[in-house]
Amino acid sequence: MQDGAFDEAVKGVDAIEHIASPCHFHADDPAELLEPAIRGTVGILESARKYGTAVKRVVVTSSCAAVMTVSDQPQFLSEVEEKGRAASAEAKYNTSKILAERAAWDFVAKHGDADATDTGVDTPVTTTNTFSNEFSLSTEPE
């Protein structure tokens, strides 16, 4: 991801919901998930800080994967650190969510509320697609 990728997108908006992050279990190298998850999260926050003069709230959508373990060193982080590419797909994905969320909170701690922007992290348990294959945009009565 390019530095400043979100600079233009945050201009003139009053709220941002960051939901973009790799969401798959096919990464060979953990960096395939970690780097875009962390850089995307920090990137949107940095763009909001620099160019989002009207932004009042930022919501970062995380995942229950980021809070599944109640220890200072979650098992997923340890597995990825120890095994690298050989770590399980679940550990790679969960670690990307853990580290992206931590990066968001670190950013808020570093930059504070100097710009009066409220930042929060949502950790949904599940998201589902409610559309079926029969979904139609037709406006014709049936």
C-alpha atoms as a PDB file:
ATOM      1  CA  MET A   1       0.000   0.000   0.000  1.00  0.00           C
ATOM      2  CA  GLN A   2       1.206   3.424  -0.921  1.00  0.00           C
ATOM      3  CA  ASP A   3       1.726   6.114   1.728  1.00  0.00           C
ATOM      4  CA  GLY A   4      -1.087   8.650   1.499  1.00  0.00           C
ATOM      5  CA  ALA A   5      -3.415   6.225  -0.309  1.00  0.00           C
ATOM      6  CA  PHE A   6      -6.412   7.566   1.643  1.00  0.00           C
ATOM      7  CA  ASP A   7      -5.509  11.270   1.655  1.00  0.00           C
ATOM      8  CA  GLU A   8      -8.082  12.336  -0.941  1.00  0.00           C
ATOM      9  CA  ALA A   9     -10.774   9.963   0.348  1.00  0.00           C
ATOM     10  CA  VAL A  10     -10.872  11.561   3.816  1.00  0.00           C
ATOM     11  CA  LYS A  11     -11.262  15.137   2.628  1.00  0.00           C
ATOM     12  CA  GLY A  12     -14.729  16.557   3.271  1.00  0.00           C
ATOM     13  CA  VAL A  13     -16.137  13.600   5.206  1.00  0.00           C
ATOM     14  CA  ASP A  14     -17.217  13.693   8.845  1.00  0.00           C
ATOM     15  CA  ALA A  15     -16.924   9.986   9.601  1.00  0.00           C
ATOM     16  CA  ILE A  16     -14.829   7.043   8.480  1.00  0.00           C
ATOM     17  CA  GLU A  17     -15.533   3.354   8.885  1.00  0.00           C
ATOM     18  CA  HIS A  18     -12.428   1.351   8.075  1.00  0.00           C
ATOM     19  CA  ILE A  19     -13.421  -2.179   7.102  1.00  0.00           C
ATOM     20  CA  ALA A  20     -10.784  -3.108   4.539  1.00  0.00           C
ATOM     21  CA  SER A  21      -8.381  -5.835   5.550  1.00  0.00           C
ATOM     22  CA  PRO A  22      -7.294  -9.105   3.992  1.00  0.00           C
ATOM     23  CA  CYS A  23      -9.782 -11.758   5.029  1.00  0.00           C
ATOM     24  CA  HIS A  24      -8.703 -15.183   3.825  1.00  0.00           C
ATOM     25  CA  PHE A  25      -6.823 -18.264   4.944  1.00  0.00           C
ATOM     26  CA  HIS A  26      -4.629 -18.683   1.852  1.00  0.00           C
ATOM     27  CA  ALA A  27      -1.541 -16.627   2.750  1.00  0.00           C
ATOM     28  CA  ASP A  28       1.747 -18.474   2.579  1.00  0.00           C
ATOM     29  CA  ASP A  29       3.821 -15.732   4.176  1.00  0.00           C
ATOM     30  CA  PRO A  30       2.214 -14.093   7.245  1.00  0.00           C
ATOM     31  CA  ALA A  31       3.331 -10.718   5.847  1.00  0.00           C
ATOM     32  CA  GLU A  32       0.706 -11.135   3.100  1.00  0.00           C
ATOM     33  CA  LEU A  33      -1.912 -10.512   5.806  1.00  0.00           C
ATOM     34  CA  LEU A  34       0.010  -8.553   8.430  1.00  0.00           C
ATOM     35  CA  GLU A  35       1.416  -5.762   6.285  1.00  0.00           C
ATOM     36  CA  PRO A  36      -1.780  -4.675   4.491  1.00  0.00           C
ATOM     37  CA  ALA A  37      -3.855  -5.017   7.676  1.00  0.00           C
ATOM     38  CA  ILE A  38      -1.521  -2.852   9.753  1.00  0.00           C
ATOM     39  CA  ARG A  39      -0.561  -0.382   7.014  1.00  0.00           C
ATOM     40  CA  GLY A  40      -4.183   0.034   5.954  1.00  0.00           C
ATOM     41  CA  THR A  41      -5.318   0.740   9.499  1.00  0.00           C
ATOM     42  CA  VAL A  42      -2.529   3.179  10.283  1.00  0.00           C
ATOM     43  CA  GLY A  43      -2.774   4.692   6.799  1.00  0.00           C
ATOM     44  CA  ILE A  44      -6.435   5.656   7.110  1.00  0.00           C
ATOM     45  CA  LEU A  45      -5.833   7.070  10.597  1.00  0.00           C
ATOM     46  CA  GLU A  46      -2.834   9.079   9.408  1.00  0.00           C
ATOM     47  CA  SER A  47      -4.766  10.438   6.427  1.00  0.00           C
ATOM     48  CA  ALA A  48      -7.648  11.394   8.709  1.00  0.00           C
ATOM     49  CA  ARG A  49      -5.237  13.156  11.056  1.00  0.00           C
ATOM     50  CA  LYS A  50      -3.553  15.102   8.259  1.00  0.00           C
ATOM     51  CA  TYR A  51      -6.364  15.807   5.788  1.00  0.00           C
ATOM     52  CA  GLY A  52      -9.674  14.887   7.400  1.00  0.00           C
ATOM     53  CA  THR A  53     -10.377  18.303   8.860  1.00  0.00           C
ATOM     54  CA  ALA A  54     -14.105  17.554   9.129  1.00  0.00           C
ATOM     55  CA  VAL A  55     -13.734  14.001  10.506  1.00  0.00           C
ATOM     56  CA  LYS A  56     -15.330  13.644  13.923  1.00  0.00           C
ATOM     57  CA  ARG A  57     -15.395   9.846  14.257  1.00  0.00           C
ATOM     58  CA  VAL A  58     -13.362   6.924  12.979  1.00  0.00           C
ATOM     59  CA  VAL A  59     -14.519   3.356  13.492  1.00  0.00           C
ATOM     60  CA  VAL A  60     -12.037   0.592  12.778  1.00  0.00           C
ATOM     61  CA  THR A  61     -13.757  -2.728  12.176  1.00  0.00           C
ATOM     62  CA  SER A  62     -11.632  -5.395  13.761  1.00  0.00           C
ATOM     63  CA  SER A  63     -12.681  -8.960  14.443  1.00  0.00           C
ATOM     64  CA  CYS A  64     -13.395 -11.241  17.339  1.00  0.00           C
ATOM     65  CA  ALA A  65     -10.154 -12.866  16.142  1.00  0.00           C
ATOM     66  CA  ALA A  66      -8.309  -9.958  17.751  1.00  0.00           C
ATOM     67  CA  VAL A  67      -9.740 -10.624  21.200  1.00  0.00           C
ATOM     68  CA  MET A  68     -10.128 -14.398  21.332  1.00  0.00           C
ATOM     69  CA  THR A  69      -7.277 -14.938  23.797  1.00  0.00           C
ATOM     70  CA  VAL A  70      -7.102 -13.277  27.207  1.00  0.00           C
ATOM     71  CA  SER A  71      -3.365 -13.060  27.753  1.00  0.00           C
ATOM     72  CA  ASP A  72      -0.650 -10.515  27.061  1.00  0.00           C
ATOM     73  CA  GLN A  73       0.893 -12.828  24.468  1.00  0.00           C
ATOM     74  CA  PRO A  74      -1.933 -14.536  22.552  1.00  0.00           C
ATOM     75  CA  GLN A  75      -1.198 -17.983  21.221  1.00  0.00           C
ATOM     76  CA  PHE A  76      -1.668 -16.822  17.639  1.00  0.00           C
ATOM     77  CA  LEU A  77       1.121 -14.244  17.894  1.00  0.00           C
ATOM     78  CA  SER A  78       3.445 -16.830  19.386  1.00  0.00           C
ATOM     79  CA  GLU A  79       2.650 -19.342  16.678  1.00  0.00           C
ATOM     80  CA  VAL A  80       3.329 -16.847  13.871  1.00  0.00           C
ATOM     81  CA  GLU A  81       6.533 -15.624  15.523  1.00  0.00           C
ATOM     82  CA  GLU A  82       7.805 -19.166  16.065  1.00  0.00           C
ATOM     83  CA  LYS A  83       6.665 -20.856  12.856  1.00  0.00           C
ATOM     84  CA  GLY A  84       6.437 -18.039  10.294  1.00  0.00           C
ATOM     85  CA  ARG A  85       5.184 -19.477   6.997  1.00  0.00           C
ATOM     86  CA  ALA A  86       4.491 -22.819   8.704  1.00  0.00           C
ATOM     87  CA  ALA A  87       1.988 -21.213  11.119  1.00  0.00           C
ATOM     88  CA  SER A  88      -1.642 -22.190  10.675  1.00  0.00           C
ATOM     89  CA  ALA A  89      -3.849 -20.105   8.397  1.00  0.00           C
ATOM     90  CA  GLU A  90      -5.982 -19.214  11.411  1.00  0.00           C
ATOM     91  CA  ALA A  91      -2.955 -17.961  13.345  1.00  0.00           C
ATOM     92  CA  LYS A  92      -1.825 -15.806  10.416  1.00  0.00           C
ATOM     93  CA  TYR A  93      -5.279 -14.233  10.003  1.00  0.00           C
ATOM     94  CA  ASN A  94      -5.865 -13.730  13.732  1.00  0.00           C
ATOM     95  CA  THR A  95      -2.422 -12.194  14.155  1.00  0.00           C
ATOM     96  CA  SER A  96      -3.160  -9.713  11.361  1.00  0.00           C
ATOM     97  CA  LYS A  97      -6.323  -8.618  13.185  1.00  0.00           C
ATOM     98  CA  ILE A  98      -4.577  -8.454  16.573  1.00  0.00           C
ATOM     99  CA  LEU A  99      -1.693  -6.352  15.274  1.00  0.00           C
ATOM    100  CA  ALA A 100      -3.921  -4.054  13.184  1.00  0.00           C
ATOM    101  CA  GLU A 101      -6.092  -3.348  16.227  1.00  0.00           C
ATOM    102  CA  ARG A 102      -3.036  -2.736  18.395  1.00  0.00           C
ATOM    103  CA  ALA A 103      -1.698  -0.360  15.733  1.00  0.00           C
ATOM    104  CA  ALA A 104      -4.974   1.592  15.858  1.00  0.00           C
ATOM    105  CA  TRP A 105      -4.809   1.952  19.643  1.00  0.00           C
ATOM    106  CA  ASP A 106      -1.091   2.840  19.490  1.00  0.00           C
ATOM    107  CA  PHE A 107      -1.902   5.553  16.941  1.00  0.00           C
ATOM    108  CA  VAL A 108      -4.621   6.985  19.185  1.00  0.00           C
ATOM    109  CA  ALA A 109      -2.296   6.896  22.200  1.00  0.00           C
ATOM    110  CA  LYS A 110       0.446   8.659  20.257  1.00  0.00           C
ATOM    111  CA  HIS A 111      -1.730  11.339  18.679  1.00  0.00           C
ATOM    112  CA  GLY A 112      -4.404  11.671  21.366  1.00  0.00           C
ATOM    113  CA  ASP A 113      -7.511  13.731  20.868  1.00  0.00           C
ATOM    114  CA  ALA A 114      -5.667  16.815  19.671  1.00  0.00           C
ATOM    115  CA  ASP A 115      -7.861  16.924  16.596  1.00  0.00           C
ATOM    116  CA  ALA A 116     -11.114  16.175  18.483  1.00  0.00           C
ATOM    117  CA  THR A 117     -11.659  12.971  16.492  1.00  0.00           C
ATOM    118  CA  ASP A 118     -13.352  10.113  18.308  1.00  0.00           C
ATOM    119  CA  THR A 119     -11.828   6.760  17.366  1.00  0.00           C
ATOM    120  CA  GLY A 120     -13.244   3.372  18.283  1.00  0.00           C
ATOM    121  CA  VAL A 121     -12.718  -0.261  17.354  1.00  0.00           C
ATOM    122  CA  ASP A 122     -15.617  -2.602  16.691  1.00  0.00           C
ATOM    123  CA  THR A 123     -14.940  -6.326  17.124  1.00  0.00           C
ATOM    124  CA  PRO A 124     -17.862  -8.162  15.526  1.00  0.00           C
ATOM    125  CA  VAL A 125     -18.254 -11.849  16.188  1.00  0.00           C
ATOM    126  CA  THR A 126     -19.479 -12.574  12.694  1.00  0.00           C
ATOM    127  CA  THR A 127     -20.500 -10.915   9.492  1.00  0.00           C
ATOM    128  CA  THR A 128     -22.796 -12.612   7.072  1.00  0.00           C
ATOM    129  CA  ASN A 129     -23.985 -12.077   3.564  1.00  0.00           C
ATOM    130  CA  THR A 130     -27.765 -11.877   3.599  1.00  0.00           C
ATOM    131  CA  PHE A 131     -28.094 -11.785  -0.175  1.00  0.00           C
ATOM    132  CA  SER A 132     -28.993 -14.925  -2.058  1.00  0.00           C
ATOM    133  CA  ASN A 133     -28.387 -15.827  -5.677  1.00  0.00           C
ATOM    134  CA  GLU A 134     -32.001 -14.867  -6.377  1.00  0.00           C
ATOM    135  CA  PHE A 135     -31.409 -11.272  -5.304  1.00  0.00           C
ATOM    136  CA  SER A 136     -32.645  -8.878  -7.963  1.00  0.00           C
ATOM    137  CA  LEU A 137     -32.535  -5.132  -8.454  1.00  0.00           C
ATOM    138  CA  SER A 138     -35.655  -5.238 -10.599  1.00  0.00           C
ATOM    139  CA  THR A 139     -38.321  -2.652  -9.799  1.00  0.00           C
ATOM    140  CA  GLU A 140     -40.988  -4.586 -11.687  1.00  0.00           C
ATOM    141  CA  PRO A 141     -43.814  -6.001  -9.529  1.00  0.00           C
ATOM    142  CA  GLU A 142     -43.845  -9.790  -9.289  1.00  0.00           C
END
